[in-house]
N, C-alpha and C. Protein backbone atom coordinates (compact mmCIF):
# COMPACT_ATOMS: atom_id res chain seq x y z
N MET A 1 -9.52 3.98 -22.11
CA MET A 1 -9.04 3.10 -23.11
C MET A 1 -7.91 3.89 -23.69
N TYR A 2 -7.68 5.03 -23.92
CA TYR A 2 -6.78 5.73 -24.67
C TYR A 2 -5.48 5.67 -23.82
N ALA A 3 -5.43 5.40 -22.27
CA ALA A 3 -4.33 5.31 -21.62
C ALA A 3 -3.95 4.05 -21.75
N PHE A 4 -4.62 2.88 -21.82
CA PHE A 4 -4.31 1.50 -22.23
C PHE A 4 -3.67 1.40 -23.43
N LEU A 5 -3.99 2.03 -24.46
CA LEU A 5 -3.32 2.01 -26.08
C LEU A 5 -1.81 2.87 -25.80
N VAL A 6 -1.83 3.91 -24.81
CA VAL A 6 -0.64 4.48 -24.81
C VAL A 6 0.22 3.83 -24.37
N LEU A 7 -0.16 2.82 -23.14
CA LEU A 7 0.73 1.92 -22.82
C LEU A 7 1.27 0.82 -23.36
N VAL A 8 0.34 0.12 -23.87
CA VAL A 8 0.67 -0.88 -24.89
C VAL A 8 1.74 -0.51 -25.86
N GLY A 9 1.44 0.79 -26.72
CA GLY A 9 2.25 1.53 -27.66
C GLY A 9 3.55 1.56 -27.44
N LEU A 10 3.70 1.95 -25.97
CA LEU A 10 5.17 2.51 -25.30
C LEU A 10 5.65 1.06 -25.08
N ALA A 11 4.83 0.19 -24.80
CA ALA A 11 5.72 -1.15 -24.22
C ALA A 11 6.09 -1.87 -25.56
N LEU A 12 5.52 -1.81 -26.74
CA LEU A 12 5.66 -2.46 -27.95
C LEU A 12 7.19 -1.91 -28.38
N GLY A 13 7.20 -0.41 -28.28
CA GLY A 13 8.11 0.31 -28.69
C GLY A 13 9.65 0.06 -27.88
N LEU A 14 9.27 -0.23 -26.19
CA LEU A 14 10.31 -0.57 -25.84
C LEU A 14 11.12 -1.78 -25.94
N SER A 15 10.06 -2.70 -26.38
CA SER A 15 10.24 -4.03 -26.70
C SER A 15 11.43 -4.35 -27.80
N VAL A 16 11.06 -3.18 -28.97
CA VAL A 16 12.01 -3.18 -29.98
C VAL A 16 13.46 -2.71 -29.52
N VAL A 17 13.08 -1.78 -28.66
CA VAL A 17 14.67 -0.92 -28.12
C VAL A 17 15.33 -2.43 -27.22
N HIS A 18 14.75 -3.44 -26.64
CA HIS A 18 15.37 -4.14 -26.07
C HIS A 18 16.05 -5.22 -27.25
N GLN A 19 15.08 -5.51 -28.44
CA GLN A 19 15.89 -6.29 -29.46
C GLN A 19 17.14 -5.88 -30.05
N VAL A 20 16.88 -4.33 -30.35
CA VAL A 20 18.10 -3.68 -30.77
C VAL A 20 19.35 -3.70 -29.62
N ILE A 21 19.17 -3.62 -28.53
CA ILE A 21 20.36 -3.32 -27.65
C ILE A 21 20.93 -5.00 -27.50
N ASP A 22 20.06 -5.93 -27.63
CA ASP A 22 20.21 -7.47 -27.63
C ASP A 22 21.33 -7.53 -28.49
N GLU A 23 21.33 -7.13 -29.92
CA GLU A 23 21.85 -6.92 -31.33
C GLU A 23 23.11 -6.56 -31.28
N ILE A 24 23.19 -5.10 -30.65
CA ILE A 24 24.52 -4.14 -30.65
C ILE A 24 25.38 -4.34 -29.48
N LEU A 25 24.83 -5.30 -28.16
CA LEU A 25 25.94 -5.21 -27.38
C LEU A 25 26.83 -5.82 -27.95
N PRO A 26 28.27 -5.52 -28.02
CA PRO A 26 29.61 -5.95 -28.37
C PRO A 26 29.84 -7.54 -27.56
N PHE A 27 29.39 -7.75 -26.57
CA PHE A 27 29.74 -8.93 -25.87
C PHE A 27 28.29 -9.62 -25.32
N ARG A 28 28.61 -10.93 -25.39
CA ARG A 28 27.35 -11.91 -25.00
C ARG A 28 27.11 -11.76 -23.52
N ALA A 29 25.93 -11.02 -23.28
CA ALA A 29 25.36 -10.28 -22.13
C ALA A 29 24.29 -11.29 -21.57
N PRO A 30 23.85 -11.51 -20.24
CA PRO A 30 22.98 -12.47 -19.89
C PRO A 30 21.73 -11.63 -20.27
N ALA A 31 20.45 -12.46 -19.96
CA ALA A 31 19.47 -11.74 -20.42
C ALA A 31 18.90 -10.87 -19.29
N ALA A 32 19.13 -11.07 -18.18
CA ALA A 32 19.16 -10.28 -17.09
C ALA A 32 19.40 -8.56 -17.25
N LEU A 33 20.65 -8.66 -17.76
CA LEU A 33 21.42 -7.39 -18.11
C LEU A 33 20.77 -6.58 -18.84
N ALA A 34 20.59 -7.30 -20.17
CA ALA A 34 19.96 -6.62 -21.01
C ALA A 34 18.38 -6.00 -20.75
N ARG A 35 17.69 -6.90 -19.89
CA ARG A 35 16.45 -6.47 -19.64
C ARG A 35 16.74 -5.41 -18.42
N THR A 36 17.63 -5.39 -17.34
CA THR A 36 17.92 -4.14 -16.73
C THR A 36 17.91 -3.09 -17.32
N LEU A 37 18.79 -3.12 -18.29
CA LEU A 37 19.30 -1.91 -19.10
C LEU A 37 18.02 -1.37 -19.90
N THR A 38 17.07 -2.11 -20.46
CA THR A 38 16.21 -1.79 -21.07
C THR A 38 14.88 -0.90 -19.95
N VAL A 39 14.90 -1.26 -18.77
CA VAL A 39 14.22 -1.09 -17.60
C VAL A 39 14.72 0.62 -17.42
N ALA A 40 16.20 0.61 -17.33
CA ALA A 40 16.74 1.91 -17.30
C ALA A 40 16.31 2.67 -18.20
N ILE A 41 16.19 2.30 -19.86
CA ILE A 41 15.77 3.27 -20.73
C ILE A 41 14.51 3.39 -20.62
N GLY A 42 13.73 2.66 -20.12
CA GLY A 42 12.11 2.80 -19.94
C GLY A 42 11.88 3.77 -19.09
N ALA A 43 12.55 3.81 -17.80
CA ALA A 43 12.63 4.75 -16.86
C ALA A 43 12.93 6.12 -17.38
N GLY A 44 14.10 6.22 -17.88
CA GLY A 44 14.48 7.50 -18.64
C GLY A 44 13.42 8.22 -19.84
N LEU A 45 12.91 7.25 -20.69
CA LEU A 45 12.14 7.45 -21.27
C LEU A 45 10.65 7.95 -20.60
N ALA A 46 10.09 7.51 -19.80
CA ALA A 46 8.92 7.83 -18.90
C ALA A 46 9.31 9.15 -18.36
N TRP A 47 10.65 9.24 -17.60
CA TRP A 47 10.76 10.55 -16.91
C TRP A 47 11.13 11.61 -18.09
N MET A 48 11.59 11.65 -19.26
CA MET A 48 11.31 12.28 -20.34
C MET A 48 10.08 12.96 -20.49
N LEU A 49 9.01 12.13 -21.09
CA LEU A 49 8.08 12.39 -21.53
C LEU A 49 7.04 12.84 -20.06
N GLY A 50 7.62 12.69 -19.16
CA GLY A 50 6.73 13.14 -18.13
C GLY A 50 5.20 12.04 -17.94
N TYR A 51 5.62 10.80 -18.47
CA TYR A 51 4.28 9.97 -18.41
C TYR A 51 4.48 8.94 -17.22
N SER A 52 3.27 8.89 -16.57
CA SER A 52 3.18 7.69 -15.44
C SER A 52 2.29 6.73 -15.80
N ALA A 53 2.57 5.51 -15.94
CA ALA A 53 1.47 4.69 -16.14
C ALA A 53 0.55 4.46 -15.02
N PHE A 54 0.69 4.62 -13.92
CA PHE A 54 0.11 4.61 -12.70
C PHE A 54 -0.85 6.00 -12.48
N SER A 55 -0.14 7.28 -12.94
CA SER A 55 -1.11 8.31 -12.77
C SER A 55 -2.07 8.55 -14.08
N ALA A 56 -2.09 7.85 -15.40
CA ALA A 56 -2.92 7.69 -16.23
C ALA A 56 -4.02 6.65 -15.86
N PHE A 57 -3.84 5.57 -15.10
CA PHE A 57 -4.79 4.73 -14.47
C PHE A 57 -5.43 5.25 -13.23
N GLY A 58 -5.06 6.43 -12.73
CA GLY A 58 -5.64 7.19 -11.44
C GLY A 58 -5.04 6.50 -10.05
N GLN A 59 -3.92 5.98 -10.31
CA GLN A 59 -3.55 5.41 -9.23
C GLN A 59 -1.97 6.19 -8.66
N GLU A 60 -1.65 6.60 -7.41
CA GLU A 60 -0.60 7.16 -7.00
C GLU A 60 0.26 6.47 -6.14
N LEU A 61 1.66 6.74 -6.30
CA LEU A 61 2.43 5.85 -5.60
C LEU A 61 3.08 6.72 -4.59
N ARG A 62 3.93 6.45 -3.85
CA ARG A 62 4.33 6.68 -2.66
C ARG A 62 5.09 8.14 -2.30
N ALA A 63 5.94 7.86 -3.54
CA ALA A 63 6.71 8.93 -3.66
C ALA A 63 6.94 9.33 -5.20
N GLU A 64 6.90 10.63 -5.80
CA GLU A 64 7.08 10.97 -7.10
C GLU A 64 8.15 10.31 -7.70
N TRP A 65 9.35 10.18 -7.02
CA TRP A 65 10.64 9.44 -7.94
C TRP A 65 10.06 8.03 -8.39
N MET A 66 9.24 7.46 -7.61
CA MET A 66 8.64 5.92 -8.11
C MET A 66 7.98 6.05 -9.28
N HIS A 67 7.29 7.11 -9.81
CA HIS A 67 6.71 6.88 -11.29
C HIS A 67 7.15 6.55 -12.23
N PRO A 68 8.63 7.21 -12.48
CA PRO A 68 9.19 6.86 -13.80
C PRO A 68 9.89 5.36 -13.62
N LEU A 69 10.41 5.31 -12.39
CA LEU A 69 10.69 3.71 -12.27
C LEU A 69 9.91 2.50 -12.29
N MET A 70 9.00 2.67 -11.71
CA MET A 70 7.93 1.67 -11.95
C MET A 70 7.40 1.60 -13.22
N THR A 71 7.31 2.71 -13.93
CA THR A 71 6.62 2.91 -15.49
C THR A 71 7.51 2.00 -16.28
N GLY A 72 8.82 2.39 -16.01
CA GLY A 72 9.89 1.54 -17.03
C GLY A 72 9.71 -0.11 -16.67
N LEU A 73 9.77 -0.54 -15.60
CA LEU A 73 9.41 -1.77 -14.98
C LEU A 73 8.23 -2.16 -15.85
N VAL A 74 6.77 -1.76 -15.74
CA VAL A 74 5.80 -2.11 -16.35
C VAL A 74 5.73 -2.08 -17.65
N LEU A 75 6.55 -1.05 -18.53
CA LEU A 75 6.40 -1.08 -19.70
C LEU A 75 7.43 -2.40 -20.18
N VAL A 76 8.52 -2.73 -19.49
CA VAL A 76 9.02 -3.83 -20.13
C VAL A 76 8.41 -5.23 -19.89
N ALA A 77 7.53 -5.34 -18.82
CA ALA A 77 7.02 -6.60 -18.22
C ALA A 77 5.56 -6.38 -19.54
N MET A 78 5.25 -5.28 -19.75
CA MET A 78 3.95 -5.17 -20.62
C MET A 78 4.33 -5.73 -22.02
N GLY A 79 5.49 -4.98 -22.47
CA GLY A 79 6.06 -5.83 -23.74
C GLY A 79 6.24 -6.94 -23.98
N GLU A 80 6.96 -7.71 -22.91
CA GLU A 80 7.27 -9.13 -22.99
C GLU A 80 5.76 -9.75 -22.96
N PHE A 81 4.87 -9.62 -21.91
CA PHE A 81 3.36 -10.08 -22.18
C PHE A 81 2.69 -9.94 -23.53
N VAL A 82 2.72 -8.83 -24.18
CA VAL A 82 2.07 -8.62 -25.48
C VAL A 82 2.93 -9.69 -26.60
N ARG A 83 3.96 -9.52 -26.51
CA ARG A 83 4.85 -10.58 -27.25
C ARG A 83 4.37 -12.06 -27.33
N SER A 84 4.42 -12.39 -25.90
CA SER A 84 4.15 -13.92 -25.57
C SER A 84 2.55 -13.90 -26.01
N VAL A 85 1.81 -13.22 -25.87
CA VAL A 85 0.24 -13.56 -26.31
C VAL A 85 0.13 -13.56 -27.75
N ILE A 86 1.02 -12.70 -28.31
CA ILE A 86 1.02 -12.70 -29.75
C ILE A 86 1.49 -14.17 -30.49
N ALA A 87 2.42 -14.41 -29.72
CA ALA A 87 3.07 -15.94 -30.19
C ALA A 87 2.13 -16.86 -29.68
N ALA A 88 1.18 -16.92 -28.82
CA ALA A 88 0.61 -17.96 -28.51
C ALA A 88 -0.84 -18.03 -29.38
N ILE A 89 -1.09 -16.70 -29.84
CA ILE A 89 -2.35 -16.45 -30.71
C ILE A 89 -1.69 -16.99 -32.20
N ALA A 90 -0.60 -16.67 -32.62
CA ALA A 90 -0.28 -17.04 -33.89
C ALA A 90 0.27 -18.71 -34.13
N HIS A 91 0.39 -19.31 -32.76
CA HIS A 91 0.47 -20.75 -32.83
C HIS A 91 -0.43 -21.71 -33.43
N ARG A 92 -0.16 -22.44 -34.37
CA ARG A 92 -1.18 -23.46 -35.25
C ARG A 92 -1.24 -24.75 -34.22
N ALA A 93 -2.60 -25.25 -34.31
CA ALA A 93 -2.81 -26.22 -33.35
C ALA A 93 -2.31 -27.42 -33.90
N GLY A 94 -1.78 -28.45 -33.24
CA GLY A 94 -0.97 -29.68 -33.79
C GLY A 94 0.45 -29.64 -33.87
N GLU A 95 1.10 -28.42 -34.02
CA GLU A 95 2.39 -27.87 -34.01
C GLU A 95 3.03 -28.09 -32.57
N PRO A 96 4.27 -28.30 -32.55
CA PRO A 96 4.92 -28.01 -31.17
C PRO A 96 4.90 -26.73 -30.77
N PRO A 97 4.56 -26.13 -29.23
CA PRO A 97 5.12 -25.04 -29.11
C PRO A 97 6.28 -24.47 -29.54
N VAL A 98 6.24 -22.92 -29.67
CA VAL A 98 7.61 -22.44 -29.90
C VAL A 98 7.91 -21.62 -28.77
N GLU A 99 8.89 -21.96 -28.09
CA GLU A 99 9.26 -20.76 -27.11
C GLU A 99 9.85 -19.44 -27.72
N ALA A 100 9.78 -18.45 -26.84
CA ALA A 100 9.79 -17.04 -27.27
C ALA A 100 11.04 -16.62 -26.58
N ALA A 101 12.07 -17.16 -27.09
CA ALA A 101 13.32 -16.80 -26.50
C ALA A 101 13.77 -15.54 -26.91
N PRO A 102 14.72 -14.83 -26.08
CA PRO A 102 15.26 -13.48 -26.47
C PRO A 102 16.48 -13.81 -27.66
N LEU A 103 16.71 -13.06 -28.31
CA LEU A 103 17.44 -13.04 -29.89
C LEU A 103 19.05 -13.43 -29.12
N SER A 104 19.33 -13.27 -28.24
CA SER A 104 20.79 -13.31 -27.68
C SER A 104 20.91 -15.04 -27.56
N SER A 105 19.73 -15.59 -27.10
CA SER A 105 19.93 -17.32 -27.04
C SER A 105 20.02 -18.12 -28.16
N VAL A 106 19.61 -17.39 -29.21
CA VAL A 106 19.31 -18.10 -30.43
C VAL A 106 20.65 -17.71 -31.60
N ARG A 107 21.18 -17.16 -31.23
CA ARG A 107 22.51 -16.32 -31.64
C ARG A 107 23.65 -17.80 -32.02
N ALA A 108 24.31 -17.77 -33.23
CA ALA A 108 25.21 -18.74 -33.47
C ALA A 108 26.48 -18.20 -32.78
N ALA A 109 26.98 -19.59 -32.17
CA ALA A 109 28.26 -19.21 -31.30
C ALA A 109 29.40 -18.97 -32.34
């Protein structure tokens, strides 16, 4: 249970970092570029902490270098998933659905 809580906590923290990156980039970047940068930051964070989401759940990957990279990818995916679940739970019945769009797409031109 603790491994899952650590995974969700790091994912939500990285989700906030993704929003900050979206805000401070001096140019209009595609969403894929911002997410790729967030995955790189997540991989660096996992490498610095020595954290592997896969080892925490007792799974091993083919090579040691894959652990930080795949953990960064899983952290970004988990952060997006948790944000969309919270948005779905917060949705009120009878109202039109609200799309969870990245901040870059809702900025004024």
